[in-house]
Amino acid sequence: EGLPLVYDKDLIEQYWKRERGALNQRWSYFVGKAVPFFTRLVTLFISEGEINERHIPSLSRQARLDLQDLGPTFIKAGQMMSVRPDVLPQATLDELTKLQDGVVPFDTEIAVKQIEDELGGPLGQFFT
């Protein structure tokens, strides 16, 4: 069974106990991307006292590649950040803009199957 459609603490808890392996695997994958990236940031900061402008393009490229590898939710976060010149430097905005239309499409059949598996039935049963 997938996640319950109505809030039920016990059913949700049961669901995540059954899915613990998948959740742990996903968490490990995220940490495997985040730790090396943040280690590089900290190393640059410690060794140079700042993140020098010359490092921004390569850091930005690595961030984009990591977001792509992490999947649709992270790609969407990168897309949202790609339009925030008040938060990120231009080189990073330029790199994240590639997430707007330069991402390999996700197969619709796989997406529908995954959603149906999570919901426990055909899409038409839940969405009309």
Foldseek 3Di string as FASTA:
>chain_A
DAQDPDDDPVSNVVRCVVCVVVVVVLVVLLCVLPVVLVVVLVVCCVVPVHNDPVCVLVSLLSQLVSLLVSDDVSLVVLLVCLPCVVPDPPSNNVNSVCSVPVHDDDDPVVVQVVVCVNHVHHPVVPDD
